Amino acid sequence: MIYGIGTDLCDVRRIDAALARHGERFAERVLGGEELQVFHARRARSAARGLRYLATRFSAKEAFSKAIGLGIHTPMRWRDCQILNQSGGKPQIVLGGALAAWCTARGLAAQVTLTDEGDYAASFVVVEIRTAP
């Protein structure tokens, strides 16, 4: 059963401006530990790849927060929601902290898809009730 659906369209130039304005602190505020490692690796190879990675993760977290109906309010914290790729490349939502407990208590599981093209990154999230709370 579907609990919620969220989508987000993010202007990559806005993320670039935030990164320029706030420096590394912006990425550290938005990305979880494993995401930060990927961000640094991609950014080291290409600044544009790092920027797009950050923008798609920002967009996916916004979409997830909409799908669960909380926005960016406790227990939804940026760093407790990571968008990591499985070995085959499929993105998945990995939760931690109070957010993981909140979703587990409600029997929620999420699916995510991401894309970026030109100046935009987009994401779509479907949150399902997998077990009775």
N, C-alpha and C. Protein backbone atom coordinates (compact mmCIF):
# COMPACT_ATOMS: atom_id res chain seq x y z
N MET A 1 0.84 -1.17 0.00
CA MET A 1 0.00 0.00 0.00
C MET A 1 0.89 1.24 0.00
N ILE A 2 0.52 2.22 -0.79
CA ILE A 2 1.31 3.45 -0.88
C ILE A 2 1.01 4.37 0.30
N TYR A 3 2.06 4.80 0.97
CA TYR A 3 1.98 5.72 2.10
C TYR A 3 2.07 7.16 1.59
N GLY A 4 2.99 7.38 0.63
CA GLY A 4 3.17 8.73 0.09
C GLY A 4 4.05 8.74 -1.13
N ILE A 5 3.92 9.79 -1.91
CA ILE A 5 4.71 9.98 -3.13
C ILE A 5 5.31 11.38 -3.07
N GLY A 6 6.56 11.48 -3.45
CA GLY A 6 7.22 12.79 -3.47
C GLY A 6 8.06 12.95 -4.72
N THR A 7 8.12 14.15 -5.21
CA THR A 7 8.97 14.46 -6.36
C THR A 7 9.63 15.80 -6.12
N ASP A 8 10.78 16.00 -6.76
CA ASP A 8 11.49 17.27 -6.61
C ASP A 8 12.29 17.55 -7.86
N LEU A 9 12.31 18.80 -8.26
CA LEU A 9 13.12 19.29 -9.36
C LEU A 9 14.06 20.33 -8.78
N CYS A 10 15.34 20.13 -8.97
CA CYS A 10 16.35 20.99 -8.36
C CYS A 10 17.19 21.65 -9.44
N ASP A 11 17.36 22.95 -9.33
CA ASP A 11 18.23 23.68 -10.25
C ASP A 11 19.67 23.49 -9.78
N VAL A 12 20.48 22.83 -10.58
CA VAL A 12 21.87 22.54 -10.22
C VAL A 12 22.64 23.83 -9.97
N ARG A 13 22.29 24.89 -10.67
CA ARG A 13 22.98 26.17 -10.47
C ARG A 13 22.75 26.71 -9.06
N ARG A 14 21.60 26.43 -8.49
CA ARG A 14 21.30 26.85 -7.11
C ARG A 14 22.19 26.10 -6.12
N ILE A 15 22.40 24.81 -6.36
CA ILE A 15 23.28 24.01 -5.51
C ILE A 15 24.72 24.50 -5.67
N ASP A 16 25.11 24.82 -6.89
CA ASP A 16 26.46 25.34 -7.15
C ASP A 16 26.67 26.65 -6.39
N ALA A 17 25.67 27.52 -6.40
CA ALA A 17 25.77 28.80 -5.68
C ALA A 17 25.87 28.58 -4.17
N ALA A 18 25.10 27.64 -3.64
CA ALA A 18 25.16 27.34 -2.21
C ALA A 18 26.52 26.77 -1.83
N LEU A 19 27.06 25.92 -2.68
CA LEU A 19 28.38 25.34 -2.44
C LEU A 19 29.46 26.43 -2.49
N ALA A 20 29.32 27.35 -3.43
CA ALA A 20 30.28 28.46 -3.52
C ALA A 20 30.18 29.39 -2.32
N ARG A 21 28.96 29.62 -1.86
CA ARG A 21 28.72 30.53 -0.74
C ARG A 21 29.15 29.94 0.60
N HIS A 22 28.83 28.66 0.82
CA HIS A 22 29.06 28.03 2.12
C HIS A 22 30.24 27.06 2.14
N GLY A 23 30.79 26.77 0.97
CA GLY A 23 31.92 25.85 0.90
C GLY A 23 31.53 24.44 1.29
N GLU A 24 32.51 23.71 1.76
CA GLU A 24 32.34 22.30 2.12
C GLU A 24 31.26 22.08 3.18
N ARG A 25 31.00 23.09 4.00
CA ARG A 25 29.97 22.97 5.05
C ARG A 25 28.61 22.63 4.47
N PHE A 26 28.32 23.15 3.28
CA PHE A 26 27.03 22.86 2.66
C PHE A 26 26.90 21.37 2.38
N ALA A 27 27.91 20.79 1.74
CA ALA A 27 27.89 19.35 1.44
C ALA A 27 27.84 18.53 2.72
N GLU A 28 28.58 18.95 3.75
CA GLU A 28 28.60 18.23 5.02
C GLU A 28 27.27 18.30 5.74
N ARG A 29 26.51 19.34 5.51
CA ARG A 29 25.19 19.48 6.14
C ARG A 29 24.15 18.59 5.45
N VAL A 30 24.27 18.45 4.14
CA VAL A 30 23.28 17.73 3.35
C VAL A 30 23.58 16.24 3.24
N LEU A 31 24.84 15.87 3.10
CA LEU A 31 25.21 14.49 2.83
C LEU A 31 25.59 13.72 4.08
N GLY A 32 25.21 12.45 4.11
CA GLY A 32 25.64 11.55 5.17
C GLY A 32 27.07 11.09 4.93
N GLY A 33 27.63 10.35 5.85
CA GLY A 33 29.03 9.93 5.79
C GLY A 33 29.42 9.20 4.51
N GLU A 34 28.64 8.19 4.13
CA GLU A 34 28.96 7.42 2.91
C GLU A 34 28.77 8.27 1.66
N GLU A 35 27.76 9.11 1.66
CA GLU A 35 27.54 10.01 0.52
C GLU A 35 28.71 10.98 0.37
N LEU A 36 29.20 11.50 1.50
CA LEU A 36 30.34 12.44 1.45
C LEU A 36 31.55 11.80 0.80
N GLN A 37 31.81 10.54 1.08
CA GLN A 37 32.94 9.85 0.47
C GLN A 37 32.79 9.80 -1.05
N VAL A 38 31.60 9.45 -1.51
CA VAL A 38 31.35 9.39 -2.95
C VAL A 38 31.46 10.78 -3.56
N PHE A 39 30.89 11.78 -2.89
CA PHE A 39 30.95 13.16 -3.36
C PHE A 39 32.41 13.60 -3.56
N HIS A 40 33.25 13.36 -2.56
CA HIS A 40 34.66 13.76 -2.66
C HIS A 40 35.36 13.04 -3.80
N ALA A 41 35.09 11.75 -3.96
CA ALA A 41 35.73 10.98 -5.04
C ALA A 41 35.29 11.50 -6.41
N ARG A 42 34.01 11.75 -6.57
CA ARG A 42 33.52 12.24 -7.87
C ARG A 42 34.01 13.66 -8.14
N ARG A 43 34.03 14.47 -7.11
CA ARG A 43 34.49 15.85 -7.25
C ARG A 43 35.97 15.91 -7.59
N ALA A 44 36.75 14.97 -7.06
CA ALA A 44 38.19 14.92 -7.36
C ALA A 44 38.43 14.61 -8.84
N ARG A 45 37.58 13.78 -9.42
CA ARG A 45 37.70 13.45 -10.84
C ARG A 45 37.17 14.55 -11.74
N SER A 46 36.07 15.18 -11.28
CA SER A 46 35.43 16.22 -12.08
C SER A 46 34.53 17.06 -11.18
N ALA A 47 34.77 18.36 -11.14
CA ALA A 47 33.94 19.25 -10.31
C ALA A 47 32.47 19.15 -10.71
N ALA A 48 32.20 19.02 -12.00
CA ALA A 48 30.82 18.93 -12.48
C ALA A 48 30.15 17.64 -11.99
N ARG A 49 30.89 16.54 -11.98
CA ARG A 49 30.31 15.27 -11.49
C ARG A 49 29.99 15.35 -10.01
N GLY A 50 30.87 15.97 -9.24
CA GLY A 50 30.61 16.14 -7.82
C GLY A 50 29.38 17.00 -7.58
N LEU A 51 29.28 18.09 -8.33
CA LEU A 51 28.13 18.98 -8.20
C LEU A 51 26.83 18.27 -8.54
N ARG A 52 26.80 17.51 -9.61
CA ARG A 52 25.59 16.79 -10.00
C ARG A 52 25.22 15.73 -8.97
N TYR A 53 26.21 15.08 -8.40
CA TYR A 53 25.95 14.10 -7.35
C TYR A 53 25.26 14.79 -6.16
N LEU A 54 25.80 15.92 -5.74
CA LEU A 54 25.22 16.66 -4.62
C LEU A 54 23.79 17.11 -4.95
N ALA A 55 23.57 17.59 -6.15
CA ALA A 55 22.25 18.07 -6.56
C ALA A 55 21.22 16.94 -6.60
N THR A 56 21.61 15.76 -7.12
CA THR A 56 20.64 14.66 -7.18
C THR A 56 20.30 14.17 -5.78
N ARG A 57 21.29 14.14 -4.89
CA ARG A 57 21.02 13.70 -3.51
C ARG A 57 20.14 14.71 -2.78
N PHE A 58 20.40 15.99 -2.98
CA PHE A 58 19.56 17.03 -2.39
C PHE A 58 18.12 16.86 -2.86
N SER A 59 17.94 16.68 -4.16
CA SER A 59 16.61 16.51 -4.74
C SER A 59 15.91 15.28 -4.18
N ALA A 60 16.62 14.17 -4.09
CA ALA A 60 16.01 12.92 -3.60
C ALA A 60 15.58 13.04 -2.14
N LYS A 61 16.38 13.74 -1.34
CA LYS A 61 16.01 13.91 0.07
C LYS A 61 14.79 14.81 0.21
N GLU A 62 14.70 15.82 -0.63
CA GLU A 62 13.50 16.67 -0.65
C GLU A 62 12.28 15.84 -1.03
N ALA A 63 12.41 15.00 -2.06
CA ALA A 63 11.29 14.16 -2.50
C ALA A 63 10.89 13.17 -1.42
N PHE A 64 11.88 12.58 -0.74
CA PHE A 64 11.58 11.64 0.34
C PHE A 64 10.84 12.34 1.47
N SER A 65 11.30 13.53 1.83
CA SER A 65 10.65 14.26 2.93
C SER A 65 9.19 14.59 2.59
N LYS A 66 8.92 14.84 1.32
CA LYS A 66 7.54 15.08 0.90
C LYS A 66 6.72 13.80 0.95
N ALA A 67 7.32 12.69 0.54
CA ALA A 67 6.61 11.41 0.51
C ALA A 67 6.22 10.94 1.91
N ILE A 68 7.05 11.23 2.91
CA ILE A 68 6.69 10.82 4.27
C ILE A 68 5.87 11.88 4.98
N GLY A 69 5.69 13.03 4.34
CA GLY A 69 4.79 14.06 4.86
C GLY A 69 5.38 14.95 5.95
N LEU A 70 6.69 14.94 6.13
CA LEU A 70 7.29 15.73 7.20
C LEU A 70 8.00 16.98 6.73
N GLY A 71 8.38 17.04 5.47
CA GLY A 71 9.28 18.11 5.07
C GLY A 71 10.60 17.87 5.79
N ILE A 72 11.41 18.90 5.91
CA ILE A 72 12.69 18.76 6.61
C ILE A 72 12.49 19.16 8.07
N HIS A 73 11.76 18.31 8.78
CA HIS A 73 11.48 18.52 10.21
C HIS A 73 11.73 17.20 10.94
N THR A 74 12.09 17.28 12.19
CA THR A 74 12.40 16.11 13.00
C THR A 74 11.28 15.09 12.89
N PRO A 75 11.58 13.83 12.67
CA PRO A 75 12.89 13.20 12.68
C PRO A 75 13.62 13.22 11.34
N MET A 76 13.07 13.89 10.33
CA MET A 76 13.74 13.95 9.02
C MET A 76 14.90 14.93 9.11
N ARG A 77 16.10 14.37 9.04
CA ARG A 77 17.32 15.19 9.01
C ARG A 77 18.09 14.80 7.75
N TRP A 78 18.69 15.77 7.12
CA TRP A 78 19.42 15.55 5.87
C TRP A 78 20.36 14.35 5.96
N ARG A 79 21.21 14.32 6.97
CA ARG A 79 22.26 13.31 7.06
C ARG A 79 21.74 11.92 7.42
N ASP A 80 20.53 11.84 7.98
CA ASP A 80 19.96 10.54 8.34
C ASP A 80 19.27 9.85 7.16
N CYS A 81 19.23 10.51 6.04
CA CYS A 81 18.64 9.94 4.82
C CYS A 81 19.72 9.96 3.75
N GLN A 82 20.29 8.79 3.46
CA GLN A 82 21.33 8.72 2.45
C GLN A 82 20.78 8.03 1.20
N ILE A 83 21.20 8.53 0.06
CA ILE A 83 20.84 7.94 -1.22
C ILE A 83 22.13 7.31 -1.76
N LEU A 84 22.20 5.99 -1.65
CA LEU A 84 23.41 5.26 -2.04
C LEU A 84 23.08 4.32 -3.19
N ASN A 85 24.07 4.04 -4.00
CA ASN A 85 23.85 3.13 -5.12
C ASN A 85 24.18 1.70 -4.74
N GLN A 86 23.31 0.78 -5.16
CA GLN A 86 23.60 -0.64 -5.01
C GLN A 86 24.73 -0.99 -5.97
N SER A 87 25.27 -2.18 -5.88
CA SER A 87 26.42 -2.56 -6.72
C SER A 87 26.11 -2.45 -8.21
N GLY A 88 24.87 -2.67 -8.61
CA GLY A 88 24.49 -2.55 -10.01
C GLY A 88 24.19 -1.12 -10.44
N GLY A 89 24.21 -0.18 -9.49
CA GLY A 89 23.98 1.22 -9.80
C GLY A 89 22.62 1.75 -9.40
N LYS A 90 21.70 0.87 -9.05
CA LYS A 90 20.36 1.32 -8.66
C LYS A 90 20.44 2.12 -7.36
N PRO A 91 19.85 3.32 -7.33
CA PRO A 91 19.87 4.10 -6.09
C PRO A 91 18.89 3.52 -5.07
N GLN A 92 19.27 3.62 -3.81
CA GLN A 92 18.41 3.17 -2.73
C GLN A 92 18.50 4.16 -1.58
N ILE A 93 17.42 4.23 -0.81
CA ILE A 93 17.39 5.11 0.36
C ILE A 93 17.82 4.28 1.57
N VAL A 94 18.84 4.79 2.26
CA VAL A 94 19.36 4.14 3.46
C VAL A 94 19.17 5.13 4.62
N LEU A 95 18.38 4.72 5.59
CA LEU A 95 18.04 5.61 6.70
C LEU A 95 18.86 5.28 7.94
N GLY A 96 19.04 6.30 8.78
CA GLY A 96 19.75 6.13 10.04
C GLY A 96 19.09 6.96 11.13
N GLY A 97 19.56 6.76 12.35
CA GLY A 97 19.12 7.57 13.48
C GLY A 97 17.63 7.48 13.75
N ALA A 98 17.09 8.59 14.25
CA ALA A 98 15.67 8.66 14.62
C ALA A 98 14.76 8.48 13.41
N LEU A 99 15.23 8.88 12.24
CA LEU A 99 14.42 8.73 11.03
C LEU A 99 14.21 7.25 10.70
N ALA A 100 15.24 6.44 10.84
CA ALA A 100 15.11 5.00 10.60
C ALA A 100 14.11 4.40 11.57
N ALA A 101 14.20 4.78 12.84
CA ALA A 101 13.28 4.27 13.85
C ALA A 101 11.84 4.69 13.54
N TRP A 102 11.65 5.94 13.14
CA TRP A 102 10.33 6.47 12.82
C TRP A 102 9.70 5.68 11.66
N CYS A 103 10.49 5.43 10.62
CA CYS A 103 9.98 4.70 9.46
C CYS A 103 9.73 3.23 9.78
N THR A 104 10.62 2.63 10.56
CA THR A 104 10.44 1.23 10.95
C THR A 104 9.17 1.06 11.77
N ALA A 105 8.92 1.98 12.68
CA ALA A 105 7.71 1.91 13.53
C ALA A 105 6.44 1.96 12.69
N ARG A 106 6.51 2.56 11.53
CA ARG A 106 5.34 2.67 10.65
C ARG A 106 5.35 1.63 9.54
N GLY A 107 6.39 0.79 9.50
CA GLY A 107 6.49 -0.24 8.47
C GLY A 107 6.75 0.33 7.09
N LEU A 108 7.49 1.43 7.00
CA LEU A 108 7.68 2.11 5.72
C LEU A 108 8.96 1.66 5.00
N ALA A 109 8.87 1.57 3.70
CA ALA A 109 10.02 1.29 2.83
C ALA A 109 9.88 2.21 1.62
N ALA A 110 11.00 2.63 1.06
CA ALA A 110 10.96 3.61 -0.03
C ALA A 110 11.73 3.14 -1.26
N GLN A 111 11.25 3.60 -2.40
CA GLN A 111 11.92 3.42 -3.68
C GLN A 111 12.22 4.80 -4.23
N VAL A 112 13.38 4.96 -4.88
CA VAL A 112 13.78 6.26 -5.40
C VAL A 112 14.36 6.12 -6.80
N THR A 113 14.12 7.13 -7.60
CA THR A 113 14.79 7.23 -8.89
C THR A 113 15.28 8.66 -9.04
N LEU A 114 16.43 8.81 -9.71
CA LEU A 114 17.08 10.11 -9.88
C LEU A 114 17.45 10.32 -11.34
N THR A 115 17.53 11.57 -11.72
CA THR A 115 18.03 11.89 -13.05
C THR A 115 18.57 13.32 -13.04
N ASP A 116 19.47 13.59 -13.95
CA ASP A 116 19.91 14.98 -14.13
C ASP A 116 20.17 15.20 -15.61
N GLU A 117 19.86 16.41 -16.03
CA GLU A 117 20.04 16.79 -17.43
C GLU A 117 20.20 18.29 -17.48
N GLY A 118 21.26 18.73 -18.11
CA GLY A 118 21.49 20.17 -18.22
C GLY A 118 21.61 20.80 -16.84
N ASP A 119 20.79 21.80 -16.59
CA ASP A 119 20.84 22.55 -15.34
C ASP A 119 19.92 22.00 -14.25
N TYR A 120 19.34 20.81 -14.46
CA TYR A 120 18.36 20.31 -13.51
C TYR A 120 18.64 18.88 -13.05
N ALA A 121 18.29 18.63 -11.80
CA ALA A 121 18.31 17.28 -11.23
C ALA A 121 16.89 17.03 -10.74
N ALA A 122 16.41 15.82 -10.95
CA ALA A 122 15.04 15.48 -10.54
C ALA A 122 15.04 14.13 -9.84
N SER A 123 14.05 13.96 -8.97
CA SER A 123 13.91 12.69 -8.28
C SER A 123 12.44 12.41 -8.03
N PHE A 124 12.16 11.13 -7.83
CA PHE A 124 10.81 10.66 -7.57
C PHE A 124 10.91 9.57 -6.52
N VAL A 125 10.11 9.65 -5.48
CA VAL A 125 10.13 8.68 -4.38
C VAL A 125 8.73 8.16 -4.12
N VAL A 126 8.63 6.85 -3.95
CA VAL A 126 7.39 6.21 -3.54
C VAL A 126 7.69 5.52 -2.21
N VAL A 127 6.89 5.84 -1.19
CA VAL A 127 7.02 5.21 0.12
C VAL A 127 5.83 4.29 0.30
N GLU A 128 6.13 3.04 0.66
CA GLU A 128 5.10 2.03 0.83
C GLU A 128 5.04 1.58 2.28
N ILE A 129 3.85 1.11 2.67
CA ILE A 129 3.71 0.45 3.97
C ILE A 129 3.91 -1.03 3.69
N ARG A 130 5.01 -1.56 4.23
CA ARG A 130 5.35 -2.96 3.98
C ARG A 130 4.82 -3.88 5.06
N THR A 131 4.77 -3.39 6.27
CA THR A 131 4.27 -4.20 7.39
C THR A 131 3.32 -3.35 8.22
N ALA A 132 2.46 -3.98 8.92
CA ALA A 132 1.55 -3.23 9.80
C ALA A 132 2.36 -2.62 10.94
N PRO A 133 2.12 -1.34 11.26
CA PRO A 133 2.87 -0.69 12.35
C PRO A 133 2.56 -1.27 13.71
